Amino acid sequence: MAIGVLSLLGFQLVDSAFIARLGTAPLAAQSFTFPLSFFIIGIQVGLGIAIAALISRALGAGENARAKRLGTLVLMAGGGVIGLLAVILWWLQAPIFTLLGADQTALEHIRPYWAPQLVAAWLGALLYFVYSLFRAHGDTKLPGKMMVLSSLVNLALDPLFIFGVGPWEGLGLPGAALATILAFATGLVVTCRQLARQNWLAFNGVKAEALLSYKPFAGIAGPAMMSQLMPPLAAMLAISIVAPLGETYVAAWGLASRLETLSLMVILAMTMSLPPWLGRCYGAGDWSQIHRLLRLALKVAVVWQLSLGVLMALGASWVALALAGQPEVQKALALLIRFLLPSYAALGVCMLIVSAGNALGWPLRAMLLSAARLFICYLPCLWLGAQLGGWMGLALGAAIGNVMAGLTSWHVLKRILSRPHRQAGVAKPV
């Protein structure tokens, strides 16, 4: 999964790197779309968390027939929800981007890009739901391979569609979205063919299963979606804090957002692969194994992320040179890398604890942790830093907010797992 996440997030960063060659204005325009793209991803990840949790629990309890019905149900419902959301975001694009601070120049770049980007987001959501089904059944290899395949297709098509070849001039910014559409479509064709060979879906009894399971599904998916929707909401507020500083800083912030997700590849891989494992242990009542898994995951998160963050901070100038085309954007991006990348060790701890909470029967606490991370720790520090120290203060404030969030999450986890029935090997209803 780490290899798959690396390739998937890598092609998103490649998109931004290619678009940076078009100029600061197209890159800034793409940066304005990130919060809404993250909003769609938040919905799909929340649904995916519920898919993995319910199916893995059913499998852990030996309810294989129910797991098949759940798989069918969530694939159908998830595609419909994301499709409706995409239509709404296309219809409301002008007022939303204006509220985010986009000027007329940015809107002219966004308009032809947004429709194909929404199609790409819908296809990506469908692919993610299929990945969730495979992960719930313990197969992380196929999703990882398909992420690599999708990224390679996108990498090959990006320069062709953005810049063109020979007499064809290319499409510019919309070309990046078209390349993503074809990449996700390729992944869907392959994974759906593999899914058809598995005996993991059942259409008989789906309606009855929907009536039976909508409450537990909503109990997980609701808080999980709220947890996942908070980051894009925070991203909207964050970019509104950055926008008054100027187009250069908006462009640098957009590149840093892409770099953030790429640098967190191991954490994101664990948030995808760990919950199904925890869900099976939860269904079987094996709390001793849950303790061991969480300890190992958190150690890996801190050691890996801190080591990577320090190395990236030391090479910040070279990383910025590789990603940004303009010297002003390079300088602003390098400053962000030096402050933010080491702080992602604490952010990774918070992300893993929130992910574990959805699998272990405390989704509401996980949602509250997400809210605290963003609206008590991160955004106030970001705003205060920008007010007191400009761009450098903003970078320092974001780093401090991440550290505060990690320490808070660790304290909450210690309190939850210190309860007697969660130290023994017996599960107790939550």
Protein backbone atom coordinates (compact mmCIF):
# COMPACT_ATOMS: atom_id res chain seq x y z
CA MET A 1 0.00 0.00 0.00
CA ALA A 2 2.90 2.37 0.70
CA ILE A 3 4.22 1.81 -2.84
CA GLY A 4 0.73 2.36 -4.23
CA VAL A 5 0.15 5.53 -2.22
CA LEU A 6 3.59 6.83 -3.24
CA SER A 7 2.77 6.37 -6.91
CA LEU A 8 -0.75 7.78 -6.62
CA LEU A 9 0.28 10.88 -4.69
CA GLY A 10 3.41 11.16 -6.79
CA PHE A 11 1.40 11.63 -9.97
CA GLN A 12 -0.61 14.38 -8.28
CA LEU A 13 2.64 16.12 -7.44
CA VAL A 14 3.81 15.53 -11.02
CA ASP A 15 0.60 17.26 -12.21
CA SER A 16 1.49 20.32 -10.16
CA ALA A 17 5.13 20.23 -11.29
CA PHE A 18 4.08 20.19 -14.96
CA ILE A 19 1.47 22.90 -14.41
CA ALA A 20 4.10 25.05 -12.66
CA ARG A 21 5.88 25.19 -16.04
CA LEU A 22 2.81 26.89 -17.50
CA GLY A 23 3.32 29.85 -15.15
CA THR A 24 2.34 31.11 -11.72
CA ALA A 25 -1.25 31.97 -12.67
CA PRO A 26 -2.29 28.43 -13.78
CA LEU A 27 -0.54 26.94 -10.73
CA ALA A 28 -2.33 29.36 -8.41
CA ALA A 29 -5.64 28.54 -10.14
CA GLN A 30 -5.08 24.82 -9.55
CA SER A 31 -4.23 25.58 -5.91
CA PHE A 32 -7.67 27.16 -5.45
CA THR A 33 -9.28 23.86 -6.52
CA PHE A 34 -7.39 21.76 -3.96
CA PRO A 35 -9.77 22.41 -1.03
CA LEU A 36 -12.80 21.28 -3.08
CA SER A 37 -10.91 18.26 -4.42
CA PHE A 38 -10.02 17.39 -0.82
CA PHE A 39 -13.70 17.86 0.06
CA ILE A 40 -14.69 15.16 -2.46
CA ILE A 41 -11.88 12.93 -1.24
CA GLY A 42 -13.07 13.44 2.34
CA ILE A 43 -16.53 12.13 1.46
CA GLN A 44 -15.15 9.11 -0.40
CA VAL A 45 -12.63 8.27 2.33
CA GLY A 46 -15.35 8.49 4.99
CA LEU A 47 -17.49 6.07 3.01
CA GLY A 48 -14.44 3.87 2.39
CA ILE A 49 -13.67 3.73 6.12
CA ALA A 50 -17.21 2.54 6.81
CA ILE A 51 -16.94 -0.03 4.01
CA ALA A 52 -13.72 -1.49 5.36
CA ALA A 53 -14.85 -1.41 8.99
CA LEU A 54 -18.23 -3.11 8.51
CA ILE A 55 -17.02 -5.72 6.03
CA SER A 56 -13.92 -6.61 8.05
CA ARG A 57 -16.01 -6.91 11.23
CA ALA A 58 -18.50 -9.15 9.42
CA LEU A 59 -15.66 -11.34 8.14
CA GLY A 60 -14.07 -11.44 11.59
CA ALA A 61 -17.39 -12.62 13.04
CA GLY A 62 -17.80 -15.27 10.29
CA GLU A 63 -20.72 -13.49 8.54
CA ASN A 64 -19.50 -13.98 4.97
CA ALA A 65 -22.91 -13.69 3.28
CA ARG A 66 -23.52 -10.35 4.98
CA ALA A 67 -20.09 -9.11 3.91
CA LYS A 68 -21.03 -9.77 0.27
CA ARG A 69 -24.29 -7.84 0.57
CA LEU A 70 -22.50 -4.94 2.25
CA GLY A 71 -19.94 -4.82 -0.56
CA THR A 72 -22.64 -4.50 -3.21
CA LEU A 73 -24.59 -1.93 -1.23
CA VAL A 74 -21.77 0.46 -0.55
CA LEU A 75 -20.40 0.38 -4.10
CA MET A 76 -23.79 1.39 -5.49
CA ALA A 77 -24.52 4.05 -2.86
CA GLY A 78 -21.00 5.51 -2.88
CA GLY A 79 -20.96 6.09 -6.63
CA GLY A 80 -24.31 7.87 -6.47
CA VAL A 81 -23.31 10.14 -3.57
CA ILE A 82 -20.04 11.27 -5.17
CA GLY A 83 -21.73 11.80 -8.56
CA LEU A 84 -24.37 14.06 -7.00
CA LEU A 85 -21.71 15.99 -5.09
CA ALA A 86 -19.70 16.55 -8.29
CA VAL A 87 -22.75 18.01 -10.07
CA ILE A 88 -23.41 20.41 -7.15
CA LEU A 89 -19.78 21.60 -7.04
CA TRP A 90 -19.80 22.22 -10.80
CA TRP A 91 -23.02 24.25 -10.55
CA LEU A 92 -21.73 26.38 -7.63
CA GLN A 93 -18.17 26.83 -8.87
CA ALA A 94 -18.20 30.61 -9.39
CA PRO A 95 -19.46 31.67 -5.93
CA ILE A 96 -17.32 29.07 -4.15
CA PHE A 97 -14.04 30.04 -5.81
CA THR A 98 -14.83 33.73 -5.39
CA LEU A 99 -15.32 33.16 -1.66
CA LEU A 100 -11.95 31.38 -1.54
CA GLY A 101 -10.29 34.54 -2.88
CA ALA A 102 -9.88 33.70 -6.59
CA ASP A 103 -9.74 36.79 -8.81
CA GLN A 104 -11.01 37.06 -12.38
CA THR A 105 -7.75 35.78 -13.85
CA ALA A 106 -7.83 32.69 -11.66
CA LEU A 107 -11.49 32.06 -12.50
CA GLU A 108 -10.70 32.15 -16.23
CA HIS A 109 -8.10 29.42 -15.71
CA ILE A 110 -10.35 27.38 -13.40
CA ARG A 111 -13.46 27.34 -15.62
CA PRO A 112 -12.26 24.97 -18.40
CA TYR A 113 -10.37 22.82 -15.86
CA TRP A 114 -13.08 22.25 -13.26
CA ALA A 115 -15.56 20.10 -15.25
CA PRO A 116 -13.02 17.45 -16.36
CA GLN A 117 -11.44 17.55 -12.92
CA LEU A 118 -14.81 16.67 -11.34
CA VAL A 119 -15.21 13.76 -13.76
CA ALA A 120 -11.74 12.59 -12.73
CA ALA A 121 -12.71 12.92 -9.06
CA TRP A 122 -15.83 10.77 -9.58
CA LEU A 123 -13.85 8.04 -11.36
CA GLY A 124 -11.22 8.21 -8.64
CA ALA A 125 -13.90 7.75 -5.98
CA LEU A 126 -15.31 4.67 -7.71
CA LEU A 127 -11.81 3.24 -7.91
CA TYR A 128 -11.25 4.00 -4.22
CA PHE A 129 -14.43 2.14 -3.23
CA VAL A 130 -13.27 -0.92 -5.14
CA TYR A 131 -9.89 -0.64 -3.41
CA SER A 132 -11.69 -0.50 -0.04
CA LEU A 133 -13.51 -3.72 -0.87
CA PHE A 134 -10.25 -5.49 -1.69
CA ARG A 135 -8.59 -4.18 1.48
CA ALA A 136 -11.50 -5.32 3.64
CA HIS A 137 -10.92 -8.85 2.32
CA GLY A 138 -7.22 -8.62 3.15
CA ASP A 139 -5.91 -7.98 -0.38
CA THR A 140 -3.69 -4.88 -0.40
CA LYS A 141 -1.50 -6.04 -3.30
CA LEU A 142 -3.98 -5.41 -6.11
CA PRO A 143 -4.90 -1.87 -4.96
CA GLY A 144 -1.20 -1.09 -4.64
CA LYS A 145 -0.45 -2.39 -8.13
CA MET A 146 -3.38 -0.48 -9.61
CA MET A 147 -2.23 2.76 -7.97
CA VAL A 148 1.16 2.26 -9.61
CA LEU A 149 -0.47 1.52 -12.98
CA SER A 150 -2.71 4.60 -12.75
CA SER A 151 0.22 6.82 -11.87
CA LEU A 152 2.29 5.53 -14.79
CA VAL A 153 -0.57 6.16 -17.24
CA ASN A 154 -0.98 9.68 -15.85
CA LEU A 155 2.77 10.34 -15.97
CA ALA A 156 2.89 9.32 -19.63
CA LEU A 157 -0.17 11.35 -20.64
CA ASP A 158 0.43 14.54 -18.61
CA PRO A 159 3.07 16.17 -20.84
CA LEU A 160 1.18 15.13 -23.98
CA PHE A 161 -2.13 16.66 -22.91
CA ILE A 162 -0.70 19.69 -21.08
CA PHE A 163 2.02 20.78 -23.54
CA GLY A 164 1.13 18.84 -26.69
CA VAL A 165 3.43 17.12 -29.14
CA GLY A 166 4.50 18.13 -32.62
CA PRO A 167 1.91 20.37 -34.31
CA TRP A 168 -0.63 19.79 -31.49
CA GLU A 169 -0.30 22.56 -28.89
CA GLY A 170 -1.91 20.71 -26.01
CA LEU A 171 -4.70 21.74 -23.64
CA GLY A 172 -2.80 23.44 -20.83
CA LEU A 173 -4.39 23.14 -17.39
CA PRO A 174 -7.44 21.08 -18.55
CA GLY A 175 -5.01 18.58 -20.06
CA ALA A 176 -3.89 17.54 -16.58
CA ALA A 177 -7.50 16.64 -15.68
CA LEU A 178 -7.99 14.70 -18.92
CA ALA A 179 -4.83 12.67 -18.23
CA THR A 180 -6.18 11.84 -14.77
CA ILE A 181 -9.52 10.73 -16.23
CA LEU A 182 -7.82 8.24 -18.53
CA ALA A 183 -5.53 7.03 -15.73
CA PHE A 184 -8.42 6.33 -13.34
CA ALA A 185 -10.49 4.76 -16.12
CA THR A 186 -7.63 2.35 -16.83
CA GLY A 187 -7.46 1.39 -13.16
CA LEU A 188 -11.23 0.86 -13.01
CA VAL A 189 -11.26 -1.44 -16.03
CA VAL A 190 -8.58 -3.69 -14.56
CA THR A 191 -9.90 -3.77 -10.96
CA CYS A 192 -13.51 -4.37 -11.98
CA ARG A 193 -12.41 -7.32 -14.11
CA GLN A 194 -10.59 -8.74 -11.09
CA LEU A 195 -13.57 -8.02 -8.84
CA ALA A 196 -15.87 -9.91 -11.19
CA ARG A 197 -13.72 -13.02 -10.67
CA GLN A 198 -14.07 -12.85 -6.87
CA ASN A 199 -17.11 -14.06 -4.97
CA TRP A 200 -17.33 -10.91 -2.84
CA LEU A 201 -20.61 -9.39 -4.07
CA ALA A 202 -24.22 -10.53 -3.72
CA PHE A 203 -27.27 -8.77 -5.14
CA ASN A 204 -29.90 -10.91 -3.43
CA GLY A 205 -31.08 -9.36 -0.19
CA VAL A 206 -29.36 -6.00 -0.76
CA LYS A 207 -32.53 -4.03 0.00
CA ALA A 208 -33.09 -5.88 3.27
CA GLU A 209 -29.42 -5.42 4.14
CA ALA A 210 -29.72 -1.69 3.51
CA LEU A 211 -32.59 -1.45 6.01
CA LEU A 212 -30.63 -3.52 8.52
CA SER A 213 -27.23 -1.89 8.16
CA TYR A 214 -27.90 1.77 7.45
CA LYS A 215 -27.74 2.69 11.14
CA PRO A 216 -24.36 1.06 11.91
CA PHE A 217 -23.07 2.26 8.54
CA ALA A 218 -24.17 5.82 9.28
CA GLY A 219 -22.75 5.50 12.79
CA ILE A 220 -19.31 4.92 11.28
CA ALA A 221 -19.57 6.79 7.98
CA GLY A 222 -21.14 9.94 9.49
CA PRO A 223 -18.38 10.74 12.01
CA ALA A 224 -15.73 9.42 9.59
CA MET A 225 -16.96 11.74 6.82
CA MET A 226 -17.10 14.63 9.26
CA SER A 227 -13.51 13.83 10.24
CA GLN A 228 -12.48 13.69 6.59
CA LEU A 229 -14.43 16.81 5.62
CA MET A 230 -12.77 18.91 8.28
CA PRO A 231 -9.38 18.95 6.48
CA PRO A 232 -10.82 20.38 3.23
CA LEU A 233 -12.81 22.92 5.24
CA ALA A 234 -9.61 23.82 7.06
CA ALA A 235 -7.82 23.95 3.69
CA MET A 236 -10.39 26.47 2.45
CA LEU A 237 -9.84 28.61 5.51
CA ALA A 238 -6.07 28.18 5.23
CA ILE A 239 -5.94 29.32 1.61
CA SER A 240 -8.09 32.31 2.52
CA ILE A 241 -5.38 33.17 5.08
CA VAL A 242 -2.66 32.72 2.44
CA ALA A 243 -4.45 34.53 -0.43
CA PRO A 244 -3.92 38.10 0.89
CA LEU A 245 -0.15 37.48 0.85
CA GLY A 246 -0.19 37.26 -2.96
CA GLU A 247 -0.28 34.91 -5.96
CA THR A 248 3.29 33.68 -5.37
CA TYR A 249 2.45 32.43 -1.90
CA VAL A 250 -0.79 30.80 -3.05
CA ALA A 251 1.22 28.88 -5.66
CA ALA A 252 3.84 27.85 -3.08
CA TRP A 253 1.11 26.77 -0.65
CA GLY A 254 -0.50 24.60 -3.34
CA LEU A 255 2.79 22.85 -4.08
CA ALA A 256 3.40 22.34 -0.36
CA SER A 257 -0.05 20.74 -0.04
CA ARG A 258 0.85 18.22 -2.75
CA LEU A 259 4.23 17.60 -1.13
CA GLU A 260 2.55 17.07 2.25
CA THR A 261 0.41 14.20 0.99
CA LEU A 262 3.39 12.64 -0.79
CA SER A 263 5.62 12.86 2.29
CA LEU A 264 2.88 11.20 4.36
CA MET A 265 2.74 8.17 2.04
CA VAL A 266 3.65 5.63 4.74
CA ILE A 267 1.12 7.13 7.17
CA LEU A 268 -1.61 7.10 4.52
CA ALA A 269 -0.75 3.51 3.63
CA MET A 270 -1.14 2.52 7.29
CA THR A 271 -4.44 4.39 7.64
CA MET A 272 -5.71 2.25 4.72
CA SER A 273 -4.24 -1.12 5.68
CA LEU A 274 -4.37 -0.99 9.50
CA PRO A 275 -8.15 -0.45 10.09
CA PRO A 276 -9.29 -3.73 8.40
CA TRP A 277 -6.77 -5.63 10.54
CA LEU A 278 -7.90 -3.79 13.67
CA GLY A 279 -11.54 -4.38 12.69
CA ARG A 280 -11.00 -8.14 12.53
CA CYS A 281 -9.27 -8.11 15.92
CA TYR A 282 -12.15 -6.01 17.28
CA GLY A 283 -14.71 -8.46 15.90
CA ALA A 284 -12.80 -11.36 17.48
CA GLY A 285 -12.30 -9.53 20.80
CA ASP A 286 -8.47 -9.67 20.61
CA TRP A 287 -7.47 -6.48 22.43
CA SER A 288 -3.94 -7.66 23.18
CA GLN A 289 -3.25 -7.84 19.44
CA ILE A 290 -4.82 -4.40 18.99
CA HIS A 291 -2.37 -2.98 21.56
CA ARG A 292 0.60 -4.54 19.75
CA LEU A 293 -0.52 -3.29 16.34
CA LEU A 294 -1.05 0.27 17.55
CA ARG A 295 2.31 0.42 19.35
CA LEU A 296 4.14 -0.78 16.26
CA ALA A 297 2.27 1.57 13.91
CA LEU A 298 2.93 4.65 16.05
CA LYS A 299 6.64 3.83 16.40
CA VAL A 300 6.98 3.44 12.64
CA ALA A 301 5.11 6.72 12.09
CA VAL A 302 7.33 8.78 14.38
CA VAL A 303 10.69 7.31 13.32
CA TRP A 304 9.98 7.31 9.57
CA GLN A 305 8.28 10.69 9.40
CA LEU A 306 10.82 12.50 11.56
CA SER A 307 13.77 11.05 9.60
CA LEU A 308 12.17 11.96 6.28
CA GLY A 309 11.23 15.43 7.53
CA VAL A 310 14.76 16.27 8.64
CA LEU A 311 16.24 15.07 5.33
CA MET A 312 13.70 17.07 3.32
CA ALA A 313 14.32 20.16 5.43
CA LEU A 314 18.08 19.89 4.80
CA GLY A 315 17.45 19.59 1.05
CA ALA A 316 14.60 22.11 0.90
CA SER A 317 16.25 24.35 -1.70
CA TRP A 318 16.82 21.46 -4.13
CA VAL A 319 13.29 20.10 -3.64
CA ALA A 320 11.79 23.54 -4.29
CA LEU A 321 13.99 23.96 -7.38
CA ALA A 322 12.67 20.66 -8.78
CA LEU A 323 9.01 21.51 -8.17
CA ALA A 324 8.63 25.25 -8.83
CA GLY A 325 9.49 27.13 -11.99
CA GLN A 326 9.75 30.69 -10.66
CA PRO A 327 12.48 31.77 -8.18
CA GLU A 328 9.99 33.58 -5.91
CA VAL A 329 7.82 30.46 -5.61
CA GLN A 330 10.92 28.34 -5.00
CA LYS A 331 12.02 30.54 -2.11
CA ALA A 332 8.57 30.55 -0.49
CA LEU A 333 8.20 26.77 -0.92
CA ALA A 334 11.65 26.05 0.57
CA LEU A 335 10.71 27.95 3.74
CA LEU A 336 7.52 25.90 4.12
CA ILE A 337 9.44 22.64 3.66
CA ARG A 338 11.94 23.52 6.41
CA PHE A 339 9.23 24.22 8.96
CA LEU A 340 6.47 21.78 8.03
CA LEU A 341 8.10 18.51 6.98
CA PRO A 342 9.60 17.59 10.42
CA SER A 343 6.28 18.42 12.12
CA TYR A 344 4.50 15.72 10.09
CA ALA A 345 5.82 13.13 12.58
CA ALA A 346 3.28 14.49 15.08
CA LEU A 347 0.62 14.86 12.39
CA GLY A 348 1.12 11.19 11.45
CA VAL A 349 0.45 10.13 15.04
CA CYS A 350 -2.83 12.03 15.00
CA MET A 351 -3.88 10.56 11.63
CA LEU A 352 -3.23 6.98 12.75
CA ILE A 353 -5.14 7.41 16.00
CA VAL A 354 -8.14 8.90 14.18
CA SER A 355 -8.05 6.05 11.66
CA ALA A 356 -7.84 3.43 14.43
CA GLY A 357 -10.78 5.01 16.24
CA ASN A 358 -13.11 4.39 13.32
CA ALA A 359 -12.19 0.69 13.31
CA LEU A 360 -12.33 0.20 17.08
CA GLY A 361 -15.79 1.48 17.88
CA TRP A 362 -15.15 5.10 18.88
CA PRO A 363 -15.80 7.09 15.67
CA LEU A 364 -17.23 10.06 17.58
CA ARG A 365 -14.00 10.49 19.54
CA ALA A 366 -12.07 10.20 16.28
CA MET A 367 -14.20 12.97 14.78
CA LEU A 368 -13.65 15.20 17.81
CA LEU A 369 -9.90 14.58 17.58
CA SER A 370 -9.95 15.69 13.94
CA ALA A 371 -11.87 18.81 14.90
CA ALA A 372 -9.44 19.63 17.69
CA ARG A 373 -6.44 19.11 15.43
CA LEU A 374 -7.67 21.53 12.81
CA PHE A 375 -9.76 24.13 14.60
CA ILE A 376 -8.06 24.30 18.00
CA CYS A 377 -4.43 23.49 17.12
CA TYR A 378 -3.72 24.12 13.42
CA LEU A 379 -5.80 27.01 12.08
CA PRO A 380 -5.44 29.35 15.09
CA CYS A 381 -1.66 28.87 15.04
CA LEU A 382 -1.61 29.40 11.25
CA TRP A 383 -3.61 32.63 11.46
CA LEU A 384 -1.71 33.98 14.45
CA GLY A 385 1.62 33.21 12.80
CA ALA A 386 0.57 34.99 9.59
CA GLN A 387 -0.57 38.03 11.54
CA LEU A 388 2.61 38.28 13.61
CA GLY A 389 5.29 37.11 11.20
CA GLY A 390 3.98 37.05 7.64
CA TRP A 391 5.04 34.06 5.54
CA MET A 392 7.65 32.81 8.02
CA GLY A 393 5.22 33.18 10.91
CA LEU A 394 2.59 31.26 8.95
CA ALA A 395 5.00 28.37 8.35
CA LEU A 396 6.07 28.28 12.01
CA GLY A 397 2.46 28.46 13.20
CA ALA A 398 1.44 25.51 11.00
CA ALA A 399 4.31 23.42 12.40
CA ILE A 400 3.41 24.24 16.00
CA GLY A 401 -0.22 23.32 15.31
CA ASN A 402 0.81 19.89 13.98
CA VAL A 403 2.93 19.17 17.07
CA MET A 404 0.10 20.18 19.39
CA ALA A 405 -2.31 17.89 17.51
CA GLY A 406 0.03 14.88 17.80
CA LEU A 407 0.55 15.33 21.53
CA THR A 408 -3.20 15.74 22.13
CA SER A 409 -4.05 12.58 20.16
CA TRP A 410 -1.44 10.51 22.00
CA HIS A 411 -2.85 11.62 25.35
CA VAL A 412 -6.40 10.68 24.29
CA LEU A 413 -5.30 7.25 23.03
CA LYS A 414 -3.49 6.46 26.28
CA ARG A 415 -6.61 7.27 28.27
CA ILE A 416 -8.89 5.13 26.06
CA LEU A 417 -6.62 2.08 25.99
CA SER A 418 -5.96 2.22 29.74
CA ARG A 419 -9.51 0.98 30.44
CA PRO A 420 -9.45 -2.51 32.00
CA HIS A 421 -11.49 -4.37 29.34
CA ARG A 422 -9.22 -2.97 26.63
CA GLN A 423 -6.11 -4.23 28.41
CA ALA A 424 -7.56 -7.73 28.62
CA GLY A 425 -8.25 -9.99 25.67
CA VAL A 426 -12.04 -9.58 25.88
CA ALA A 427 -14.08 -7.16 23.81
CA LYS A 428 -16.83 -5.17 25.43
CA PRO A 429 -19.60 -3.27 23.62
CA VAL A 430 -18.72 0.39 23.18
